[in-house]
Amino acid sequence: MSVAGKEREEQVRVVQAEQRRLKPLKAEAQGTVLELMRAGLAVEEPAVVPVLSLGTVMGIEAQLGSDGLRAFALALANMLIGVSHDFADITGHSPEQLVDFYQTELMAAAARRDGAGPEAPSEEEAAEDERAELRAWCLERMQLSFLESFAAHHVVRLMSRLTDGGDHDVPEEALSVADEVAAAYGHNGLRVLAVSLAGWAYGAVERTAKMANSPLAEAAKGIVPVFSSWPVPGPDGSMG
């Protein structure tokens, strides 16, 4: 066997091994592809579809990491190939003709973008910019929403632990949870954790206000930040 043939054989072996490793995620990935397709087809505004798709990808990455993305990409590619063959059977065209059609459309769109001059944006373009900003805002909120259940889980676990009647170092345990969330979900995880904690705090103030029959602002004044009593290390390292 030639060197090229051996390299090809090794590549096939590696890919097949990776395919077997990802097999446990296959059913979930296929289900996600179908759910995304149904959701995308139900959307009336075409510009929302990319936001929905990217939000789904971000959610998969947050929950399952790179393996989830690989399984999703594999399921999506297989689905697209199957749809292309079904389209060919229905229309009498070949799958290759369908691919050629989309490639021609993409090339034409790229040519139009390259040929556009630096003219002042029209009203339509300005409106599209506003829609793009709105889509970006929606995309960020969708991305954060995928992390909401994880952050809420951490908050519930923290609150359950702090209210079990034991002696706890509240700031240290809270920081430990924040560090855990940051390590697992990054900056956005901390943002969602802050939102979740704010919800808990607001709920506590609201209940206190109702019990005391006082305005929310008055109830909030009685809350003492936990860090106000936290010992702070001095310049020599001693705890003040």
C-alpha atoms as a PDB file:
ATOM      1  CA  MET A   1       0.000   0.000   0.000  1.00  0.00           C
ATOM      2  CA  SER A   2       1.268   3.471  -0.866  1.00  0.00           C
ATOM      3  CA  VAL A   3       2.012   6.135   1.735  1.00  0.00           C
ATOM      4  CA  ALA A   4      -1.064   8.090   0.628  1.00  0.00           C
ATOM      5  CA  GLY A   5      -3.185   4.976   0.942  1.00  0.00           C
ATOM      6  CA  LYS A   6      -1.932   4.298   4.477  1.00  0.00           C
ATOM      7  CA  GLU A   7      -2.618   7.902   5.490  1.00  0.00           C
ATOM      8  CA  ARG A   8      -6.108   7.645   4.087  1.00  0.00           C
ATOM      9  CA  GLU A   9      -6.713   4.392   5.942  1.00  0.00           C
ATOM     10  CA  GLU A  10      -5.517   5.965   9.201  1.00  0.00           C
ATOM     11  CA  GLN A  11      -7.787   8.977   8.694  1.00  0.00           C
ATOM     12  CA  VAL A  12     -10.777   6.698   8.159  1.00  0.00           C
ATOM     13  CA  ARG A  13      -9.884   4.724  11.285  1.00  0.00           C
ATOM     14  CA  VAL A  14      -9.639   7.885  13.397  1.00  0.00           C
ATOM     15  CA  VAL A  15     -12.947   9.249  12.069  1.00  0.00           C
ATOM     16  CA  GLN A  16     -14.743   5.943  12.668  1.00  0.00           C
ATOM     17  CA  ALA A  17     -13.393   5.814  16.226  1.00  0.00           C
ATOM     18  CA  GLU A  18     -14.642   9.358  16.850  1.00  0.00           C
ATOM     19  CA  GLN A  19     -18.013   8.420  15.373  1.00  0.00           C
ATOM     20  CA  ARG A  20     -18.310   5.523  17.825  1.00  0.00           C
ATOM     21  CA  ARG A  21     -17.319   7.777  20.716  1.00  0.00           C
ATOM     22  CA  LEU A  22     -20.034  10.303  19.864  1.00  0.00           C
ATOM     23  CA  LYS A  23     -22.723   7.651  19.296  1.00  0.00           C
ATOM     24  CA  PRO A  24     -24.319   8.117  22.777  1.00  0.00           C
ATOM     25  CA  LEU A  25     -25.131  11.715  21.768  1.00  0.00           C
ATOM     26  CA  LYS A  26     -26.608  10.762  18.383  1.00  0.00           C
ATOM     27  CA  ALA A  27     -30.281  10.516  19.370  1.00  0.00           C
ATOM     28  CA  GLU A  28     -30.242  13.785  21.321  1.00  0.00           C
ATOM     29  CA  ALA A  29     -28.444  15.588  18.489  1.00  0.00           C
ATOM     30  CA  GLN A  30     -30.943  14.337  15.908  1.00  0.00           C
ATOM     31  CA  GLY A  31     -33.819  15.456  18.124  1.00  0.00           C
ATOM     32  CA  THR A  32     -32.254  18.910  18.501  1.00  0.00           C
ATOM     33  CA  VAL A  33     -31.910  19.240  14.721  1.00  0.00           C
ATOM     34  CA  LEU A  34     -35.583  18.375  14.220  1.00  0.00           C
ATOM     35  CA  GLU A  35     -36.692  20.769  16.967  1.00  0.00           C
ATOM     36  CA  LEU A  36     -34.600  23.554  15.443  1.00  0.00           C
ATOM     37  CA  MET A  37     -36.060  22.903  11.986  1.00  0.00           C
ATOM     38  CA  ARG A  38     -39.622  23.007  13.333  1.00  0.00           C
ATOM     39  CA  ALA A  39     -38.911  26.196  15.273  1.00  0.00           C
ATOM     40  CA  GLY A  40     -37.258  27.841  12.266  1.00  0.00           C
ATOM     41  CA  LEU A  41     -40.130  26.952   9.940  1.00  0.00           C
ATOM     42  CA  ALA A  42     -42.614  28.428  12.422  1.00  0.00           C
ATOM     43  CA  VAL A  43     -40.832  31.792  12.504  1.00  0.00           C
ATOM     44  CA  GLU A  44     -42.498  34.430  10.323  1.00  0.00           C
ATOM     45  CA  GLU A  45     -39.534  36.851  10.290  1.00  0.00           C
ATOM     46  CA  PRO A  46     -36.632  35.293   8.293  1.00  0.00           C
ATOM     47  CA  ALA A  47     -34.067  37.458  10.108  1.00  0.00           C
ATOM     48  CA  VAL A  48     -34.918  35.679  13.369  1.00  0.00           C
ATOM     49  CA  VAL A  49     -33.848  32.270  12.017  1.00  0.00           C
ATOM     50  CA  PRO A  50     -30.065  32.899  12.329  1.00  0.00           C
ATOM     51  CA  VAL A  51     -30.613  34.178  15.881  1.00  0.00           C
ATOM     52  CA  LEU A  52     -32.585  31.056  16.752  1.00  0.00           C
ATOM     53  CA  SER A  53     -29.965  28.801  15.159  1.00  0.00           C
ATOM     54  CA  LEU A  54     -26.999  30.446  16.856  1.00  0.00           C
ATOM     55  CA  GLY A  55     -28.812  30.462  20.184  1.00  0.00           C
ATOM     56  CA  THR A  56     -29.336  26.710  19.825  1.00  0.00           C
ATOM     57  CA  VAL A  57     -25.659  26.153  19.027  1.00  0.00           C
ATOM     58  CA  MET A  58     -24.605  28.234  22.037  1.00  0.00           C
ATOM     59  CA  GLY A  59     -26.950  26.270  24.253  1.00  0.00           C
ATOM     60  CA  ILE A  60     -25.499  22.976  23.044  1.00  0.00           C
ATOM     61  CA  GLU A  61     -21.978  24.245  23.679  1.00  0.00           C
ATOM     62  CA  ALA A  62     -22.901  25.420  27.184  1.00  0.00           C
ATOM     63  CA  GLN A  63     -24.509  22.104  28.123  1.00  0.00           C
ATOM     64  CA  LEU A  64     -22.467  19.491  26.241  1.00  0.00           C
ATOM     65  CA  GLY A  65     -19.274  21.262  25.180  1.00  0.00           C
ATOM     66  CA  SER A  66     -17.380  20.465  21.986  1.00  0.00           C
ATOM     67  CA  ASP A  67     -18.659  16.878  21.877  1.00  0.00           C
ATOM     68  CA  GLY A  68     -22.226  18.163  21.762  1.00  0.00           C
ATOM     69  CA  LEU A  69     -21.334  20.532  18.933  1.00  0.00           C
ATOM     70  CA  ARG A  70     -19.655  17.709  16.984  1.00  0.00           C
ATOM     71  CA  ALA A  71     -22.648  15.420  17.390  1.00  0.00           C
ATOM     72  CA  PHE A  72     -25.011  18.240  16.379  1.00  0.00           C
ATOM     73  CA  ALA A  73     -22.915  19.110  13.297  1.00  0.00           C
ATOM     74  CA  LEU A  74     -22.821  15.447  12.273  1.00  0.00           C
ATOM     75  CA  ALA A  75     -26.579  15.058  12.689  1.00  0.00           C
ATOM     76  CA  LEU A  76     -27.194  18.314  10.802  1.00  0.00           C
ATOM     77  CA  ALA A  77     -24.927  17.306   7.899  1.00  0.00           C
ATOM     78  CA  ASN A  78     -26.598  13.903   7.617  1.00  0.00           C
ATOM     79  CA  MET A  79     -30.019  15.557   7.719  1.00  0.00           C
ATOM     80  CA  LEU A  80     -29.082  18.031   4.962  1.00  0.00           C
ATOM     81  CA  ILE A  81     -27.822  15.248   2.702  1.00  0.00           C
ATOM     82  CA  GLY A  82     -31.020  13.272   3.297  1.00  0.00           C
ATOM     83  CA  VAL A  83     -33.176  16.317   2.551  1.00  0.00           C
ATOM     84  CA  SER A  84     -31.202  16.945  -0.662  1.00  0.00           C
ATOM     85  CA  HIS A  85     -31.919  13.414  -1.881  1.00  0.00           C
ATOM     86  CA  ASP A  86     -35.609  13.748  -0.952  1.00  0.00           C
ATOM     87  CA  PHE A  87     -35.768  17.049  -2.851  1.00  0.00           C
ATOM     88  CA  ALA A  88     -34.204  15.359  -5.865  1.00  0.00           C
ATOM     89  CA  ASP A  89     -36.753  12.534  -5.785  1.00  0.00           C
ATOM     90  CA  ILE A  90     -39.670  14.989  -5.619  1.00  0.00           C
ATOM     91  CA  THR A  91     -38.509  17.525  -8.230  1.00  0.00           C
ATOM     92  CA  GLY A  92     -36.640  15.305 -10.653  1.00  0.00           C
ATOM     93  CA  HIS A  93     -33.426  17.284 -10.146  1.00  0.00           C
ATOM     94  CA  SER A  94     -30.233  15.755  -8.829  1.00  0.00           C
ATOM     95  CA  PRO A  95     -28.897  16.562  -5.339  1.00  0.00           C
ATOM     96  CA  GLU A  96     -25.864  18.117  -7.025  1.00  0.00           C
ATOM     97  CA  GLN A  97     -28.112  20.552  -8.914  1.00  0.00           C
ATOM     98  CA  LEU A  98     -29.629  21.696  -5.628  1.00  0.00           C
ATOM     99  CA  VAL A  99     -26.155  22.325  -4.184  1.00  0.00           C
ATOM    100  CA  ASP A 100     -25.126  24.159  -7.373  1.00  0.00           C
ATOM    101  CA  PHE A 101     -28.198  26.394  -7.074  1.00  0.00           C
ATOM    102  CA  TYR A 102     -27.347  27.446  -3.515  1.00  0.00           C
ATOM    103  CA  GLN A 103     -23.685  27.916  -4.382  1.00  0.00           C
ATOM    104  CA  THR A 104     -24.649  30.201  -7.275  1.00  0.00           C
ATOM    105  CA  GLU A 105     -26.926  32.215  -4.971  1.00  0.00           C
ATOM    106  CA  LEU A 106     -24.163  32.620  -2.388  1.00  0.00           C
ATOM    107  CA  MET A 107     -21.649  33.687  -5.040  1.00  0.00           C
ATOM    108  CA  ALA A 108     -24.102  36.274  -6.413  1.00  0.00           C
ATOM    109  CA  ALA A 109     -24.749  37.652  -2.926  1.00  0.00           C
ATOM    110  CA  ALA A 110     -21.009  37.906  -2.274  1.00  0.00           C
ATOM    111  CA  ALA A 111     -20.515  39.727  -5.569  1.00  0.00           C
ATOM    112  CA  ARG A 112     -23.228  42.244  -4.670  1.00  0.00           C
ATOM    113  CA  ARG A 113     -21.586  42.913  -1.303  1.00  0.00           C
ATOM    114  CA  ASP A 114     -18.131  43.344  -2.868  1.00  0.00           C
ATOM    115  CA  GLY A 115     -19.471  45.752  -5.470  1.00  0.00           C
ATOM    116  CA  ALA A 116     -21.286  47.981  -3.012  1.00  0.00           C
ATOM    117  CA  GLY A 117     -19.684  51.408  -2.600  1.00  0.00           C
ATOM    118  CA  PRO A 118     -19.243  53.432   0.609  1.00  0.00           C
ATOM    119  CA  GLU A 119     -22.528  55.277   0.152  1.00  0.00           C
ATOM    120  CA  ALA A 120     -24.508  56.787   2.973  1.00  0.00           C
ATOM    121  CA  PRO A 121     -26.918  54.222   4.420  1.00  0.00           C
ATOM    122  CA  SER A 122     -30.434  54.444   3.085  1.00  0.00           C
ATOM    123  CA  GLU A 123     -33.496  54.457   5.301  1.00  0.00           C
ATOM    124  CA  GLU A 124     -33.914  50.782   4.579  1.00  0.00           C
ATOM    125  CA  GLU A 125     -30.294  50.089   5.564  1.00  0.00           C
ATOM    126  CA  ALA A 126     -30.656  52.186   8.710  1.00  0.00           C
ATOM    127  CA  ALA A 127     -33.768  50.220   9.624  1.00  0.00           C
ATOM    128  CA  GLU A 128     -31.854  47.001   8.993  1.00  0.00           C
ATOM    129  CA  ASP A 129     -29.105  48.232  11.320  1.00  0.00           C
ATOM    130  CA  GLU A 130     -31.703  48.797  14.018  1.00  0.00           C
ATOM    131  CA  ARG A 131     -33.072  45.315  13.416  1.00  0.00           C
ATOM    132  CA  ALA A 132     -29.541  43.936  13.603  1.00  0.00           C
ATOM    133  CA  GLU A 133     -29.051  45.601  16.988  1.00  0.00           C
ATOM    134  CA  LEU A 134     -32.338  44.132  18.157  1.00  0.00           C
ATOM    135  CA  ARG A 135     -31.298  40.695  16.895  1.00  0.00           C
ATOM    136  CA  ALA A 136     -27.985  41.020  18.734  1.00  0.00           C
ATOM    137  CA  TRP A 137     -29.871  41.922  21.907  1.00  0.00           C
ATOM    138  CA  CYS A 138     -32.223  38.968  21.439  1.00  0.00           C
ATOM    139  CA  LEU A 139     -29.298  36.676  20.707  1.00  0.00           C
ATOM    140  CA  GLU A 140     -27.556  37.662  23.925  1.00  0.00           C
ATOM    141  CA  ARG A 141     -30.734  37.131  25.944  1.00  0.00           C
ATOM    142  CA  MET A 142     -31.247  33.742  24.306  1.00  0.00           C
ATOM    143  CA  GLN A 143     -27.663  32.789  25.074  1.00  0.00           C
ATOM    144  CA  LEU A 144     -28.120  33.784  28.700  1.00  0.00           C
ATOM    145  CA  SER A 145     -31.463  32.006  28.949  1.00  0.00           C
ATOM    146  CA  PHE A 146     -29.783  28.687  28.166  1.00  0.00           C
ATOM    147  CA  LEU A 147     -27.678  29.159  31.310  1.00  0.00           C
ATOM    148  CA  GLU A 148     -30.589  30.156  33.537  1.00  0.00           C
ATOM    149  CA  SER A 149     -31.407  26.651  34.771  1.00  0.00           C
ATOM    150  CA  PHE A 150     -27.756  25.971  35.610  1.00  0.00           C
ATOM    151  CA  ALA A 151     -27.399  29.216  37.565  1.00  0.00           C
ATOM    152  CA  ALA A 152     -30.687  28.630  39.377  1.00  0.00           C
ATOM    153  CA  HIS A 153     -29.485  25.150  40.351  1.00  0.00           C
ATOM    154  CA  HIS A 154     -26.342  26.611  41.905  1.00  0.00           C
ATOM    155  CA  VAL A 155     -28.328  29.294  43.742  1.00  0.00           C
ATOM    156  CA  VAL A 156     -30.844  26.790  45.140  1.00  0.00           C
ATOM    157  CA  ARG A 157     -28.030  24.516  46.253  1.00  0.00           C
ATOM    158  CA  LEU A 158     -26.226  27.432  47.927  1.00  0.00           C
ATOM    159  CA  MET A 159     -29.360  28.681  49.699  1.00  0.00           C
ATOM    160  CA  SER A 160     -30.263  25.177  50.863  1.00  0.00           C
ATOM    161  CA  ARG A 161     -26.801  24.736  52.297  1.00  0.00           C
ATOM    162  CA  LEU A 162     -26.728  28.126  54.032  1.00  0.00           C
ATOM    163  CA  THR A 163     -30.129  27.597  55.649  1.00  0.00           C
ATOM    164  CA  ASP A 164     -29.553  24.071  56.965  1.00  0.00           C
ATOM    165  CA  GLY A 165     -28.997  25.350  60.510  1.00  0.00           C
ATOM    166  CA  GLY A 166     -25.236  24.858  60.443  1.00  0.00           C
ATOM    167  CA  ASP A 167     -22.444  27.368  60.957  1.00  0.00           C
ATOM    168  CA  HIS A 168     -21.437  28.754  57.575  1.00  0.00           C
ATOM    169  CA  ASP A 169     -18.994  31.315  56.247  1.00  0.00           C
ATOM    170  CA  VAL A 170     -21.472  32.938  53.865  1.00  0.00           C
ATOM    171  CA  PRO A 171     -19.027  35.068  51.834  1.00  0.00           C
ATOM    172  CA  GLU A 172     -16.603  32.196  51.313  1.00  0.00           C
ATOM    173  CA  GLU A 173     -19.313  29.768  50.263  1.00  0.00           C
ATOM    174  CA  ALA A 174     -20.858  32.351  47.947  1.00  0.00           C
ATOM    175  CA  LEU A 175     -17.470  33.026  46.365  1.00  0.00           C
ATOM    176  CA  SER A 176     -16.942  29.306  45.960  1.00  0.00           C
ATOM    177  CA  VAL A 177     -20.195  29.029  44.001  1.00  0.00           C
ATOM    178  CA  ALA A 178     -19.274  32.073  41.885  1.00  0.00           C
ATOM    179  CA  ASP A 179     -15.877  30.548  41.096  1.00  0.00           C
ATOM    180  CA  GLU A 180     -17.538  27.253  40.186  1.00  0.00           C
ATOM    181  CA  VAL A 181     -19.979  28.961  37.835  1.00  0.00           C
ATOM    182  CA  ALA A 182     -17.218  31.078  36.272  1.00  0.00           C
ATOM    183  CA  ALA A 183     -15.068  28.003  35.641  1.00  0.00           C
ATOM    184  CA  ALA A 184     -17.954  26.102  34.050  1.00  0.00           C
ATOM    185  CA  TYR A 185     -19.797  28.839  32.135  1.00  0.00           C
ATOM    186  CA  GLY A 186     -17.477  31.842  31.988  1.00  0.00           C
ATOM    187  CA  HIS A 187     -18.456  35.508  32.117  1.00  0.00           C
ATOM    188  CA  ASN A 188     -22.029  34.923  30.982  1.00  0.00           C
ATOM    189  CA  GLY A 189     -22.470  32.317  33.703  1.00  0.00           C
ATOM    190  CA  LEU A 190     -21.590  34.944  36.304  1.00  0.00           C
ATOM    191  CA  ARG A 191     -24.017  37.397  34.730  1.00  0.00           C
ATOM    192  CA  VAL A 192     -26.867  34.904  34.919  1.00  0.00           C
ATOM    193  CA  LEU A 193     -25.850  33.969  38.471  1.00  0.00           C
ATOM    194  CA  ALA A 194     -26.081  37.650  39.442  1.00  0.00           C
ATOM    195  CA  VAL A 195     -29.539  37.897  37.872  1.00  0.00           C
ATOM    196  CA  SER A 196     -30.684  34.768  39.696  1.00  0.00           C
ATOM    197  CA  LEU A 197     -29.343  36.023  43.032  1.00  0.00           C
ATOM    198  CA  ALA A 198     -30.982  39.409  42.439  1.00  0.00           C
ATOM    199  CA  GLY A 199     -34.270  37.591  41.926  1.00  0.00           C
ATOM    200  CA  TRP A 200     -33.840  35.790  45.232  1.00  0.00           C
ATOM    201  CA  ALA A 201     -32.965  39.055  46.998  1.00  0.00           C
ATOM    202  CA  TYR A 202     -35.928  40.882  45.528  1.00  0.00           C
ATOM    203  CA  GLY A 203     -38.234  38.047  46.541  1.00  0.00           C
ATOM    204  CA  ALA A 204     -36.897  38.199  50.096  1.00  0.00           C
ATOM    205  CA  VAL A 205     -37.410  41.979  50.287  1.00  0.00           C
ATOM    206  CA  GLU A 206     -40.908  41.669  48.850  1.00  0.00           C
ATOM    207  CA  ARG A 207     -41.900  39.038  51.417  1.00  0.00           C
ATOM    208  CA  THR A 208     -40.385  41.111  54.245  1.00  0.00           C
ATOM    209  CA  ALA A 209     -42.287  44.194  53.091  1.00  0.00           C
ATOM    210  CA  LYS A 210     -45.580  42.284  53.026  1.00  0.00           C
ATOM    211  CA  MET A 211     -45.018  40.798  56.486  1.00  0.00           C
ATOM    212  CA  ALA A 212     -44.061  44.190  57.949  1.00  0.00           C
ATOM    213  CA  ASN A 213     -46.727  46.008  55.929  1.00  0.00           C
ATOM    214  CA  SER A 214     -44.082  48.502  54.794  1.00  0.00           C
ATOM    215  CA  PRO A 215     -42.933  49.835  51.398  1.00  0.00           C
ATOM    216  CA  LEU A 216     -40.316  47.853  49.506  1.00  0.00           C
ATOM    217  CA  ALA A 217     -37.778  50.667  49.878  1.00  0.00           C
ATOM    218  CA  GLU A 218     -38.118  50.588  53.677  1.00  0.00           C
ATOM    219  CA  ALA A 219     -37.724  46.805  53.765  1.00  0.00           C
ATOM    220  CA  ALA A 220     -34.610  47.014  51.615  1.00  0.00           C
ATOM    221  CA  LYS A 221     -32.976  49.482  54.023  1.00  0.00           C
ATOM    222  CA  GLY A 222     -32.823  46.794  56.671  1.00  0.00           C
ATOM    223  CA  ILE A 223     -30.646  44.510  54.572  1.00  0.00           C
ATOM    224  CA  VAL A 224     -26.988  44.500  55.633  1.00  0.00           C
ATOM    225  CA  PRO A 225     -24.555  43.305  52.930  1.00  0.00           C
ATOM    226  CA  VAL A 226     -22.853  40.148  54.112  1.00  0.00           C
ATOM    227  CA  PHE A 227     -19.446  41.464  53.095  1.00  0.00           C
ATOM    228  CA  SER A 228     -19.746  44.383  55.540  1.00  0.00           C
ATOM    229  CA  SER A 229     -18.775  42.039  58.384  1.00  0.00           C
ATOM    230  CA  TRP A 230     -16.241  40.025  56.402  1.00  0.00           C
ATOM    231  CA  PRO A 231     -12.710  40.275  57.805  1.00  0.00           C
ATOM    232  CA  VAL A 232     -10.319  41.973  55.375  1.00  0.00           C
ATOM    233  CA  PRO A 233      -6.605  41.057  55.324  1.00  0.00           C
ATOM    234  CA  GLY A 234      -4.269  43.883  56.379  1.00  0.00           C
ATOM    235  CA  PRO A 235      -0.975  44.783  54.649  1.00  0.00           C
ATOM    236  CA  ASP A 236       0.852  42.256  56.823  1.00  0.00           C
ATOM    237  CA  GLY A 237      -1.599  39.504  55.975  1.00  0.00           C
ATOM    238  CA  SER A 238      -3.367  39.570  59.334  1.00  0.00           C
ATOM    239  CA  MET A 239      -7.169  39.508  59.371  1.00  0.00           C
ATOM    240  CA  GLY A 240      -8.706  42.735  60.639  1.00  0.00           C
END
